[in-house]
Amino acid sequence: MTTISLTINGRPHGPVTVRDDLTMNDFLREVLGMTGTKFGCGAAQCLSCAIIVDEPDGTSATTPTCIVPAVSFDGKAIRTVEGHARDGRLTALQASFVEHFAFQCGYCTPGFLNEGQVLLERLEKAPIARADVERVVAEALDGHLCRCSGYVKYHEAVRAVILADPARFLA
């Protein structure tokens, strides 16, 4: 057993004592009741369970939660799919997912949404040429699996957010 403390979606959690083998996915879902993060393959291959880890240097990256112990996140700041909307208002990315019907069963949506958010934050700091949008979106979402094969819609939704605000995301 290990005692951990972390920040989730801007709110401190802990100290809480957890089994050393408890996965982060199970911690979020079963201990905290945050069911937005999904359990897909159980082998960190589909990335339905991906959350955002915010680093002290201001960068962010996604990481799977289905095989990673919760104790690995001690002291870290993370974001889950529940942390995107503010005051009941969807983010531009969430609204684009809805507008483009970028989901069918929705199981993989949290992972795609978190990965898309990390990409948008990266592009704000380092804009890209319009000609590179398709490639950059494809590279960012690569590795995320959709059982319903809704990839085109996810890519369209992320691309639409980038292209709708060229001053913010494009060089």
N, C-alpha and C. Protein backbone atom coordinates (compact mmCIF):
# COMPACT_ATOMS: atom_id res chain seq x y z
N MET A 1 0.84 -1.18 0.00
CA MET A 1 0.00 0.00 0.00
C MET A 1 0.89 1.24 0.00
N THR A 2 0.45 2.23 -0.78
CA THR A 2 1.19 3.48 -0.90
C THR A 2 0.19 4.63 -0.82
N THR A 3 0.61 5.71 -0.20
CA THR A 3 -0.22 6.90 -0.10
C THR A 3 0.19 7.86 -1.20
N ILE A 4 -0.81 8.32 -1.97
CA ILE A 4 -0.54 9.24 -3.08
C ILE A 4 -1.39 10.49 -2.96
N SER A 5 -0.89 11.54 -3.58
CA SER A 5 -1.62 12.80 -3.74
C SER A 5 -1.35 13.28 -5.15
N LEU A 6 -2.37 13.78 -5.80
CA LEU A 6 -2.22 14.30 -7.15
C LEU A 6 -3.30 15.32 -7.43
N THR A 7 -3.14 16.03 -8.52
CA THR A 7 -4.12 17.02 -8.94
C THR A 7 -4.80 16.49 -10.18
N ILE A 8 -6.13 16.46 -10.14
CA ILE A 8 -6.91 15.97 -11.27
C ILE A 8 -7.88 17.07 -11.69
N ASN A 9 -7.75 17.50 -12.93
CA ASN A 9 -8.61 18.56 -13.47
C ASN A 9 -8.59 19.80 -12.58
N GLY A 10 -7.41 20.12 -12.07
CA GLY A 10 -7.23 21.33 -11.27
C GLY A 10 -7.59 21.19 -9.81
N ARG A 11 -8.04 20.02 -9.38
CA ARG A 11 -8.43 19.82 -8.00
C ARG A 11 -7.51 18.81 -7.32
N PRO A 12 -7.05 19.14 -6.11
CA PRO A 12 -6.19 18.19 -5.39
C PRO A 12 -6.98 16.97 -4.91
N HIS A 13 -6.35 15.82 -4.98
CA HIS A 13 -6.92 14.56 -4.48
C HIS A 13 -5.85 13.88 -3.63
N GLY A 14 -6.21 13.51 -2.44
CA GLY A 14 -5.29 12.84 -1.55
C GLY A 14 -4.94 13.72 -0.38
N PRO A 15 -4.18 13.16 0.52
CA PRO A 15 -3.55 11.84 0.41
C PRO A 15 -4.59 10.72 0.52
N VAL A 16 -4.37 9.71 -0.31
CA VAL A 16 -5.21 8.52 -0.31
C VAL A 16 -4.30 7.30 -0.45
N THR A 17 -4.58 6.28 0.31
CA THR A 17 -3.77 5.07 0.29
C THR A 17 -4.38 4.08 -0.70
N VAL A 18 -3.53 3.58 -1.60
CA VAL A 18 -3.98 2.65 -2.65
C VAL A 18 -3.05 1.43 -2.69
N ARG A 19 -3.59 0.35 -3.21
CA ARG A 19 -2.75 -0.83 -3.45
C ARG A 19 -1.71 -0.47 -4.51
N ASP A 20 -0.53 -1.00 -4.37
CA ASP A 20 0.54 -0.70 -5.33
C ASP A 20 0.22 -1.19 -6.73
N ASP A 21 -0.63 -2.21 -6.86
CA ASP A 21 -0.96 -2.74 -8.18
C ASP A 21 -2.25 -2.17 -8.76
N LEU A 22 -2.89 -1.22 -8.08
CA LEU A 22 -4.12 -0.61 -8.58
C LEU A 22 -3.78 0.26 -9.79
N THR A 23 -4.43 0.01 -10.91
CA THR A 23 -4.15 0.83 -12.10
C THR A 23 -4.77 2.21 -11.94
N MET A 24 -4.23 3.15 -12.69
CA MET A 24 -4.79 4.49 -12.66
C MET A 24 -6.23 4.48 -13.17
N ASN A 25 -6.50 3.64 -14.15
CA ASN A 25 -7.86 3.54 -14.68
C ASN A 25 -8.82 3.12 -13.56
N ASP A 26 -8.45 2.11 -12.81
CA ASP A 26 -9.31 1.66 -11.71
C ASP A 26 -9.40 2.70 -10.60
N PHE A 27 -8.31 3.41 -10.34
CA PHE A 27 -8.33 4.47 -9.33
C PHE A 27 -9.34 5.55 -9.73
N LEU A 28 -9.26 6.00 -10.98
CA LEU A 28 -10.17 7.05 -11.43
C LEU A 28 -11.62 6.58 -11.37
N ARG A 29 -11.88 5.40 -11.90
CA ARG A 29 -13.24 4.91 -12.03
C ARG A 29 -13.83 4.41 -10.71
N GLU A 30 -13.07 3.59 -10.00
CA GLU A 30 -13.63 2.91 -8.83
C GLU A 30 -13.42 3.66 -7.52
N VAL A 31 -12.30 4.34 -7.39
CA VAL A 31 -12.04 5.07 -6.14
C VAL A 31 -12.66 6.46 -6.20
N LEU A 32 -12.46 7.16 -7.32
CA LEU A 32 -12.96 8.54 -7.42
C LEU A 32 -14.31 8.66 -8.12
N GLY A 33 -14.79 7.62 -8.76
CA GLY A 33 -16.08 7.68 -9.44
C GLY A 33 -16.06 8.48 -10.73
N MET A 34 -14.87 8.66 -11.30
CA MET A 34 -14.71 9.41 -12.56
C MET A 34 -14.73 8.39 -13.71
N THR A 35 -15.89 8.20 -14.29
CA THR A 35 -16.08 7.11 -15.26
C THR A 35 -15.85 7.53 -16.71
N GLY A 36 -15.40 8.73 -16.96
CA GLY A 36 -15.15 9.17 -18.33
C GLY A 36 -13.99 8.45 -18.98
N THR A 37 -12.97 8.12 -18.22
CA THR A 37 -11.82 7.39 -18.73
C THR A 37 -12.25 5.94 -18.89
N LYS A 38 -12.10 5.41 -20.09
CA LYS A 38 -12.59 4.07 -20.41
C LYS A 38 -11.49 3.01 -20.30
N PHE A 39 -11.90 1.77 -20.07
CA PHE A 39 -11.01 0.63 -20.12
C PHE A 39 -11.31 -0.08 -21.43
N GLY A 40 -10.32 -0.10 -22.32
CA GLY A 40 -10.54 -0.71 -23.63
C GLY A 40 -9.88 -2.07 -23.72
N CYS A 41 -8.63 -2.07 -24.09
CA CYS A 41 -7.93 -3.32 -24.39
C CYS A 41 -7.21 -3.92 -23.20
N GLY A 42 -6.86 -3.11 -22.22
CA GLY A 42 -6.12 -3.61 -21.07
C GLY A 42 -4.64 -3.86 -21.35
N ALA A 43 -4.17 -3.40 -22.51
CA ALA A 43 -2.77 -3.61 -22.89
C ALA A 43 -2.11 -2.33 -23.40
N ALA A 44 -2.73 -1.18 -23.16
CA ALA A 44 -2.21 0.12 -23.59
C ALA A 44 -2.01 0.20 -25.09
N GLN A 45 -2.86 -0.49 -25.85
CA GLN A 45 -2.74 -0.48 -27.30
C GLN A 45 -3.83 0.35 -27.97
N CYS A 46 -5.02 0.45 -27.39
CA CYS A 46 -6.11 1.17 -28.06
C CYS A 46 -6.16 2.64 -27.65
N LEU A 47 -5.68 2.96 -26.48
CA LEU A 47 -5.60 4.32 -25.92
C LEU A 47 -6.96 4.95 -25.60
N SER A 48 -7.99 4.13 -25.47
CA SER A 48 -9.28 4.64 -24.99
C SER A 48 -9.13 5.22 -23.59
N CYS A 49 -8.15 4.72 -22.87
CA CYS A 49 -7.93 5.11 -21.47
C CYS A 49 -6.96 6.28 -21.31
N ALA A 50 -6.55 6.89 -22.40
CA ALA A 50 -5.52 7.94 -22.32
C ALA A 50 -6.01 9.18 -21.58
N ILE A 51 -5.16 9.66 -20.68
CA ILE A 51 -5.40 10.91 -19.97
C ILE A 51 -4.25 11.86 -20.29
N ILE A 52 -4.40 13.11 -19.89
CA ILE A 52 -3.36 14.11 -20.12
C ILE A 52 -2.56 14.30 -18.84
N VAL A 53 -1.24 14.26 -18.98
CA VAL A 53 -0.34 14.56 -17.87
C VAL A 53 0.30 15.91 -18.16
N ASP A 54 0.13 16.85 -17.24
CA ASP A 54 0.70 18.19 -17.38
C ASP A 54 2.04 18.23 -16.66
N GLU A 55 3.08 18.53 -17.41
CA GLU A 55 4.44 18.57 -16.85
C GLU A 55 4.71 19.95 -16.25
N PRO A 56 5.63 20.04 -15.30
CA PRO A 56 5.97 21.32 -14.68
C PRO A 56 6.48 22.37 -15.68
N ASP A 57 7.08 21.92 -16.80
CA ASP A 57 7.61 22.87 -17.79
C ASP A 57 6.54 23.44 -18.71
N GLY A 58 5.27 23.09 -18.48
CA GLY A 58 4.18 23.63 -19.28
C GLY A 58 3.78 22.75 -20.47
N THR A 59 4.50 21.68 -20.70
CA THR A 59 4.13 20.76 -21.78
C THR A 59 3.15 19.72 -21.23
N SER A 60 2.46 19.08 -22.14
CA SER A 60 1.51 18.04 -21.78
C SER A 60 1.65 16.89 -22.75
N ALA A 61 1.27 15.71 -22.28
CA ALA A 61 1.27 14.52 -23.13
C ALA A 61 0.21 13.58 -22.60
N THR A 62 -0.27 12.71 -23.48
CA THR A 62 -1.22 11.71 -23.02
C THR A 62 -0.47 10.45 -22.59
N THR A 63 -1.11 9.69 -21.73
CA THR A 63 -0.55 8.42 -21.30
C THR A 63 -1.71 7.46 -21.03
N PRO A 64 -1.50 6.18 -21.30
CA PRO A 64 -2.56 5.22 -20.99
C PRO A 64 -2.68 5.03 -19.48
N THR A 65 -3.84 4.56 -19.05
CA THR A 65 -4.07 4.33 -17.62
C THR A 65 -4.40 2.88 -17.30
N CYS A 66 -4.63 2.07 -18.32
CA CYS A 66 -5.10 0.71 -18.06
C CYS A 66 -4.03 -0.21 -17.50
N ILE A 67 -2.76 0.07 -17.75
CA ILE A 67 -1.70 -0.79 -17.24
C ILE A 67 -0.73 -0.05 -16.33
N VAL A 68 -0.92 1.24 -16.16
CA VAL A 68 -0.01 2.05 -15.36
C VAL A 68 -0.56 2.17 -13.94
N PRO A 69 0.24 1.83 -12.94
CA PRO A 69 -0.23 1.93 -11.56
C PRO A 69 -0.53 3.37 -11.14
N ALA A 70 -1.56 3.52 -10.33
CA ALA A 70 -1.93 4.85 -9.83
C ALA A 70 -0.77 5.49 -9.07
N VAL A 71 0.04 4.66 -8.39
CA VAL A 71 1.16 5.21 -7.61
C VAL A 71 2.16 5.93 -8.51
N SER A 72 2.17 5.64 -9.81
CA SER A 72 3.07 6.31 -10.75
C SER A 72 2.69 7.78 -10.95
N PHE A 73 1.48 8.13 -10.58
CA PHE A 73 1.00 9.49 -10.78
C PHE A 73 1.09 10.34 -9.52
N ASP A 74 1.71 9.82 -8.47
CA ASP A 74 1.85 10.57 -7.23
C ASP A 74 2.57 11.89 -7.50
N GLY A 75 1.97 12.99 -7.05
CA GLY A 75 2.55 14.31 -7.20
C GLY A 75 2.33 14.95 -8.56
N LYS A 76 1.67 14.26 -9.46
CA LYS A 76 1.47 14.78 -10.82
C LYS A 76 0.15 15.53 -10.95
N ALA A 77 0.08 16.33 -12.01
CA ALA A 77 -1.16 17.01 -12.39
C ALA A 77 -1.65 16.36 -13.67
N ILE A 78 -2.88 15.87 -13.63
CA ILE A 78 -3.44 15.21 -14.80
C ILE A 78 -4.79 15.83 -15.15
N ARG A 79 -5.22 15.56 -16.38
CA ARG A 79 -6.55 15.97 -16.82
C ARG A 79 -7.24 14.76 -17.44
N THR A 80 -8.50 14.62 -17.11
CA THR A 80 -9.32 13.57 -17.69
C THR A 80 -10.37 14.22 -18.58
N VAL A 81 -11.13 13.41 -19.27
CA VAL A 81 -12.17 13.93 -20.16
C VAL A 81 -13.18 14.78 -19.38
N GLU A 82 -13.38 14.50 -18.11
CA GLU A 82 -14.32 15.29 -17.31
C GLU A 82 -13.85 16.72 -17.10
N GLY A 83 -12.57 16.98 -17.32
CA GLY A 83 -12.02 18.30 -17.04
C GLY A 83 -12.02 19.27 -18.20
N HIS A 84 -12.56 18.89 -19.34
CA HIS A 84 -12.51 19.78 -20.50
C HIS A 84 -13.53 20.91 -20.44
N ALA A 85 -14.79 20.61 -20.29
CA ALA A 85 -15.84 21.64 -20.28
C ALA A 85 -15.68 22.54 -19.06
N ARG A 86 -16.05 23.79 -19.22
CA ARG A 86 -15.98 24.74 -18.10
C ARG A 86 -17.34 25.40 -17.95
N ASP A 87 -17.83 25.41 -16.72
CA ASP A 87 -19.11 26.04 -16.41
C ASP A 87 -20.22 25.55 -17.35
N GLY A 88 -20.19 24.26 -17.66
CA GLY A 88 -21.22 23.67 -18.51
C GLY A 88 -21.09 23.99 -19.99
N ARG A 89 -19.99 24.63 -20.36
CA ARG A 89 -19.77 24.99 -21.77
C ARG A 89 -18.71 24.09 -22.38
N LEU A 90 -19.03 23.54 -23.55
CA LEU A 90 -18.08 22.70 -24.24
C LEU A 90 -16.91 23.52 -24.78
N THR A 91 -15.75 22.90 -24.85
CA THR A 91 -14.62 23.54 -25.51
C THR A 91 -14.86 23.51 -27.02
N ALA A 92 -14.05 24.25 -27.75
CA ALA A 92 -14.16 24.24 -29.21
C ALA A 92 -13.96 22.83 -29.76
N LEU A 93 -13.06 22.09 -29.17
CA LEU A 93 -12.80 20.73 -29.63
C LEU A 93 -14.00 19.83 -29.34
N GLN A 94 -14.54 19.90 -28.15
CA GLN A 94 -15.72 19.09 -27.83
C GLN A 94 -16.89 19.44 -28.77
N ALA A 95 -17.10 20.73 -28.99
CA ALA A 95 -18.18 21.16 -29.89
C ALA A 95 -17.94 20.64 -31.31
N SER A 96 -16.70 20.63 -31.74
CA SER A 96 -16.38 20.12 -33.07
C SER A 96 -16.63 18.61 -33.15
N PHE A 97 -16.34 17.89 -32.08
CA PHE A 97 -16.64 16.45 -32.05
C PHE A 97 -18.14 16.23 -32.23
N VAL A 98 -18.95 17.04 -31.56
CA VAL A 98 -20.40 16.92 -31.68
C VAL A 98 -20.84 17.31 -33.09
N GLU A 99 -20.36 18.43 -33.57
CA GLU A 99 -20.74 18.93 -34.90
C GLU A 99 -20.40 17.94 -36.00
N HIS A 100 -19.27 17.27 -35.88
CA HIS A 100 -18.82 16.32 -36.91
C HIS A 100 -19.26 14.89 -36.59
N PHE A 101 -20.05 14.73 -35.56
CA PHE A 101 -20.48 13.41 -35.08
C PHE A 101 -19.29 12.47 -35.06
N ALA A 102 -18.26 12.93 -34.34
CA ALA A 102 -16.98 12.23 -34.30
C ALA A 102 -16.97 11.12 -33.26
N PHE A 103 -17.98 10.32 -33.28
CA PHE A 103 -18.08 9.18 -32.38
C PHE A 103 -19.26 8.35 -32.84
N GLN A 104 -19.23 7.10 -32.54
CA GLN A 104 -20.40 6.26 -32.74
C GLN A 104 -20.78 5.70 -31.38
N CYS A 105 -20.07 4.68 -30.94
CA CYS A 105 -20.38 4.17 -29.60
C CYS A 105 -19.81 5.09 -28.53
N GLY A 106 -18.78 5.87 -28.86
CA GLY A 106 -18.21 6.84 -27.95
C GLY A 106 -17.17 6.29 -26.99
N TYR A 107 -16.90 5.00 -27.08
CA TYR A 107 -15.99 4.39 -26.13
C TYR A 107 -14.57 4.95 -26.23
N CYS A 108 -14.09 5.19 -27.43
CA CYS A 108 -12.73 5.68 -27.63
C CYS A 108 -12.65 7.21 -27.57
N THR A 109 -13.79 7.87 -27.51
CA THR A 109 -13.83 9.33 -27.59
C THR A 109 -12.97 10.03 -26.54
N PRO A 110 -12.96 9.59 -25.27
CA PRO A 110 -12.12 10.30 -24.30
C PRO A 110 -10.64 10.33 -24.69
N GLY A 111 -10.12 9.22 -25.20
CA GLY A 111 -8.73 9.18 -25.62
C GLY A 111 -8.46 10.09 -26.79
N PHE A 112 -9.34 10.06 -27.80
CA PHE A 112 -9.19 10.94 -28.95
C PHE A 112 -9.30 12.41 -28.53
N LEU A 113 -10.24 12.72 -27.66
CA LEU A 113 -10.43 14.10 -27.21
C LEU A 113 -9.20 14.60 -26.45
N ASN A 114 -8.67 13.78 -25.56
CA ASN A 114 -7.49 14.19 -24.81
C ASN A 114 -6.29 14.38 -25.74
N GLU A 115 -6.12 13.47 -26.70
CA GLU A 115 -5.00 13.60 -27.64
C GLU A 115 -5.17 14.85 -28.51
N GLY A 116 -6.38 15.11 -28.96
CA GLY A 116 -6.64 16.32 -29.74
C GLY A 116 -6.36 17.58 -28.95
N GLN A 117 -6.70 17.58 -27.67
CA GLN A 117 -6.45 18.74 -26.82
C GLN A 117 -4.96 18.99 -26.66
N VAL A 118 -4.19 17.94 -26.45
CA VAL A 118 -2.74 18.08 -26.34
C VAL A 118 -2.18 18.65 -27.64
N LEU A 119 -2.68 18.17 -28.77
CA LEU A 119 -2.22 18.70 -30.06
C LEU A 119 -2.52 20.19 -30.18
N LEU A 120 -3.73 20.60 -29.85
CA LEU A 120 -4.09 22.01 -29.95
C LEU A 120 -3.19 22.88 -29.06
N GLU A 121 -2.91 22.41 -27.87
CA GLU A 121 -2.04 23.17 -26.96
C GLU A 121 -0.62 23.26 -27.52
N ARG A 122 -0.16 22.19 -28.14
CA ARG A 122 1.17 22.20 -28.76
C ARG A 122 1.20 23.18 -29.93
N LEU A 123 0.15 23.20 -30.74
CA LEU A 123 0.12 24.10 -31.90
C LEU A 123 0.01 25.56 -31.49
N GLU A 124 -0.59 25.84 -30.35
CA GLU A 124 -0.63 27.21 -29.85
C GLU A 124 0.78 27.74 -29.59
N LYS A 125 1.64 26.85 -29.12
CA LYS A 125 3.02 27.23 -28.80
C LYS A 125 3.93 27.18 -30.02
N ALA A 126 3.60 26.29 -30.95
CA ALA A 126 4.43 26.10 -32.15
C ALA A 126 3.53 25.87 -33.36
N PRO A 127 2.97 26.96 -33.90
CA PRO A 127 2.06 26.83 -35.05
C PRO A 127 2.73 26.14 -36.24
N ILE A 128 1.91 25.56 -37.10
CA ILE A 128 2.40 24.83 -38.27
C ILE A 128 1.85 25.46 -39.54
N ALA A 129 2.42 25.09 -40.65
CA ALA A 129 1.92 25.56 -41.95
C ALA A 129 0.60 24.85 -42.27
N ARG A 130 -0.28 25.54 -42.95
CA ARG A 130 -1.57 24.96 -43.36
C ARG A 130 -1.36 23.66 -44.12
N ALA A 131 -0.34 23.60 -44.94
CA ALA A 131 -0.07 22.40 -45.74
C ALA A 131 0.26 21.19 -44.88
N ASP A 132 0.64 21.41 -43.63
CA ASP A 132 1.03 20.31 -42.74
C ASP A 132 -0.10 19.82 -41.84
N VAL A 133 -1.25 20.46 -41.88
CA VAL A 133 -2.34 20.13 -40.95
C VAL A 133 -2.74 18.67 -41.02
N GLU A 134 -3.00 18.18 -42.21
CA GLU A 134 -3.46 16.79 -42.36
C GLU A 134 -2.46 15.80 -41.76
N ARG A 135 -1.20 15.99 -42.08
CA ARG A 135 -0.15 15.09 -41.59
C ARG A 135 -0.02 15.18 -40.07
N VAL A 136 -0.03 16.38 -39.54
CA VAL A 136 0.16 16.57 -38.10
C VAL A 136 -1.01 15.98 -37.31
N VAL A 137 -2.23 16.16 -37.80
CA VAL A 137 -3.39 15.57 -37.13
C VAL A 137 -3.30 14.05 -37.18
N ALA A 138 -2.96 13.51 -38.34
CA ALA A 138 -2.84 12.05 -38.48
C ALA A 138 -1.77 11.50 -37.54
N GLU A 139 -0.64 12.17 -37.45
CA GLU A 139 0.44 11.72 -36.56
C GLU A 139 0.01 11.79 -35.10
N ALA A 140 -0.70 12.84 -34.73
CA ALA A 140 -1.11 13.00 -33.34
C ALA A 140 -2.11 11.93 -32.92
N LEU A 141 -3.03 11.60 -33.80
CA LEU A 141 -4.08 10.64 -33.45
C LEU A 141 -3.69 9.20 -33.74
N ASP A 142 -2.54 9.02 -34.36
CA ASP A 142 -2.06 7.67 -34.68
C ASP A 142 -1.91 6.86 -33.39
N GLY A 143 -2.35 5.65 -33.42
CA GLY A 143 -2.25 4.79 -32.25
C GLY A 143 -3.55 4.67 -31.49
N HIS A 144 -4.44 5.64 -31.64
CA HIS A 144 -5.75 5.55 -31.02
C HIS A 144 -6.63 4.67 -31.89
N LEU A 145 -7.23 3.68 -31.28
CA LEU A 145 -8.07 2.74 -32.02
C LEU A 145 -9.54 2.99 -31.75
N CYS A 146 -10.32 2.86 -32.81
CA CYS A 146 -11.78 3.03 -32.74
C CYS A 146 -12.42 1.75 -33.23
N ARG A 147 -13.17 1.10 -32.37
CA ARG A 147 -13.84 -0.15 -32.73
C ARG A 147 -14.86 0.07 -33.86
N CYS A 148 -15.42 1.24 -33.91
CA CYS A 148 -16.45 1.54 -34.93
C CYS A 148 -15.86 2.09 -36.21
N SER A 149 -14.56 2.23 -36.26
CA SER A 149 -13.80 2.77 -37.40
C SER A 149 -14.23 4.19 -37.76
N GLY A 150 -14.39 5.03 -36.74
CA GLY A 150 -14.80 6.41 -36.96
C GLY A 150 -13.66 7.39 -37.10
N TYR A 151 -12.52 6.92 -37.57
CA TYR A 151 -11.33 7.75 -37.64
C TYR A 151 -11.51 9.02 -38.46
N VAL A 152 -12.19 8.91 -39.58
CA VAL A 152 -12.35 10.07 -40.47
C VAL A 152 -13.03 11.21 -39.72
N LYS A 153 -14.04 10.91 -38.96
CA LYS A 153 -14.77 11.95 -38.22
C LYS A 153 -13.92 12.58 -37.13
N TYR A 154 -13.13 11.77 -36.43
CA TYR A 154 -12.24 12.33 -35.41
C TYR A 154 -11.22 13.28 -36.05
N HIS A 155 -10.63 12.84 -37.14
CA HIS A 155 -9.65 13.68 -37.84
C HIS A 155 -10.31 14.96 -38.35
N GLU A 156 -11.50 14.85 -38.92
CA GLU A 156 -12.21 16.04 -39.41
C GLU A 156 -12.47 17.03 -38.28
N ALA A 157 -12.88 16.53 -37.14
CA ALA A 157 -13.21 17.40 -36.01
C ALA A 157 -11.99 18.17 -35.51
N VAL A 158 -10.87 17.48 -35.36
CA VAL A 158 -9.65 18.15 -34.90
C VAL A 158 -9.17 19.14 -35.95
N ARG A 159 -9.16 18.71 -37.19
CA ARG A 159 -8.72 19.58 -38.29
C ARG A 159 -9.60 20.83 -38.36
N ALA A 160 -10.90 20.69 -38.16
CA ALA A 160 -11.82 21.83 -38.24
C ALA A 160 -11.49 22.89 -37.18
N VAL A 161 -11.13 22.46 -35.99
CA VAL A 161 -10.78 23.41 -34.93
C VAL A 161 -9.52 24.18 -35.33
N ILE A 162 -8.55 23.48 -35.85
CA ILE A 162 -7.30 24.13 -36.27
C ILE A 162 -7.56 25.14 -37.38
N LEU A 163 -8.30 24.74 -38.38
CA LEU A 163 -8.54 25.60 -39.54
C LEU A 163 -9.48 26.76 -39.24
N ALA A 164 -10.33 26.60 -38.22
CA ALA A 164 -11.27 27.68 -37.84
C ALA A 164 -10.58 28.82 -37.11
N ASP A 165 -9.36 28.59 -36.64
CA ASP A 165 -8.64 29.62 -35.89
C ASP A 165 -7.18 29.67 -36.36
N PRO A 166 -6.98 30.04 -37.62
CA PRO A 166 -5.62 30.00 -38.18
C PRO A 166 -4.63 30.91 -37.47
N ALA A 167 -5.08 32.04 -36.92
CA ALA A 167 -4.16 32.94 -36.21
C ALA A 167 -3.59 32.28 -34.96
N ARG A 168 -4.31 31.34 -34.44
CA ARG A 168 -3.90 30.66 -33.20
C ARG A 168 -3.04 29.43 -33.44
N PHE A 169 -3.32 28.68 -34.53
CA PHE A 169 -2.70 27.38 -34.73
C PHE A 169 -1.79 27.27 -35.94
N LEU A 170 -1.90 28.22 -36.87
CA LEU A 170 -1.13 28.10 -38.12
C LEU A 170 -0.08 29.20 -38.24
N ALA A 171 1.05 28.83 -38.79
CA ALA A 171 2.15 29.79 -38.96
C ALA A 171 1.95 30.58 -40.23
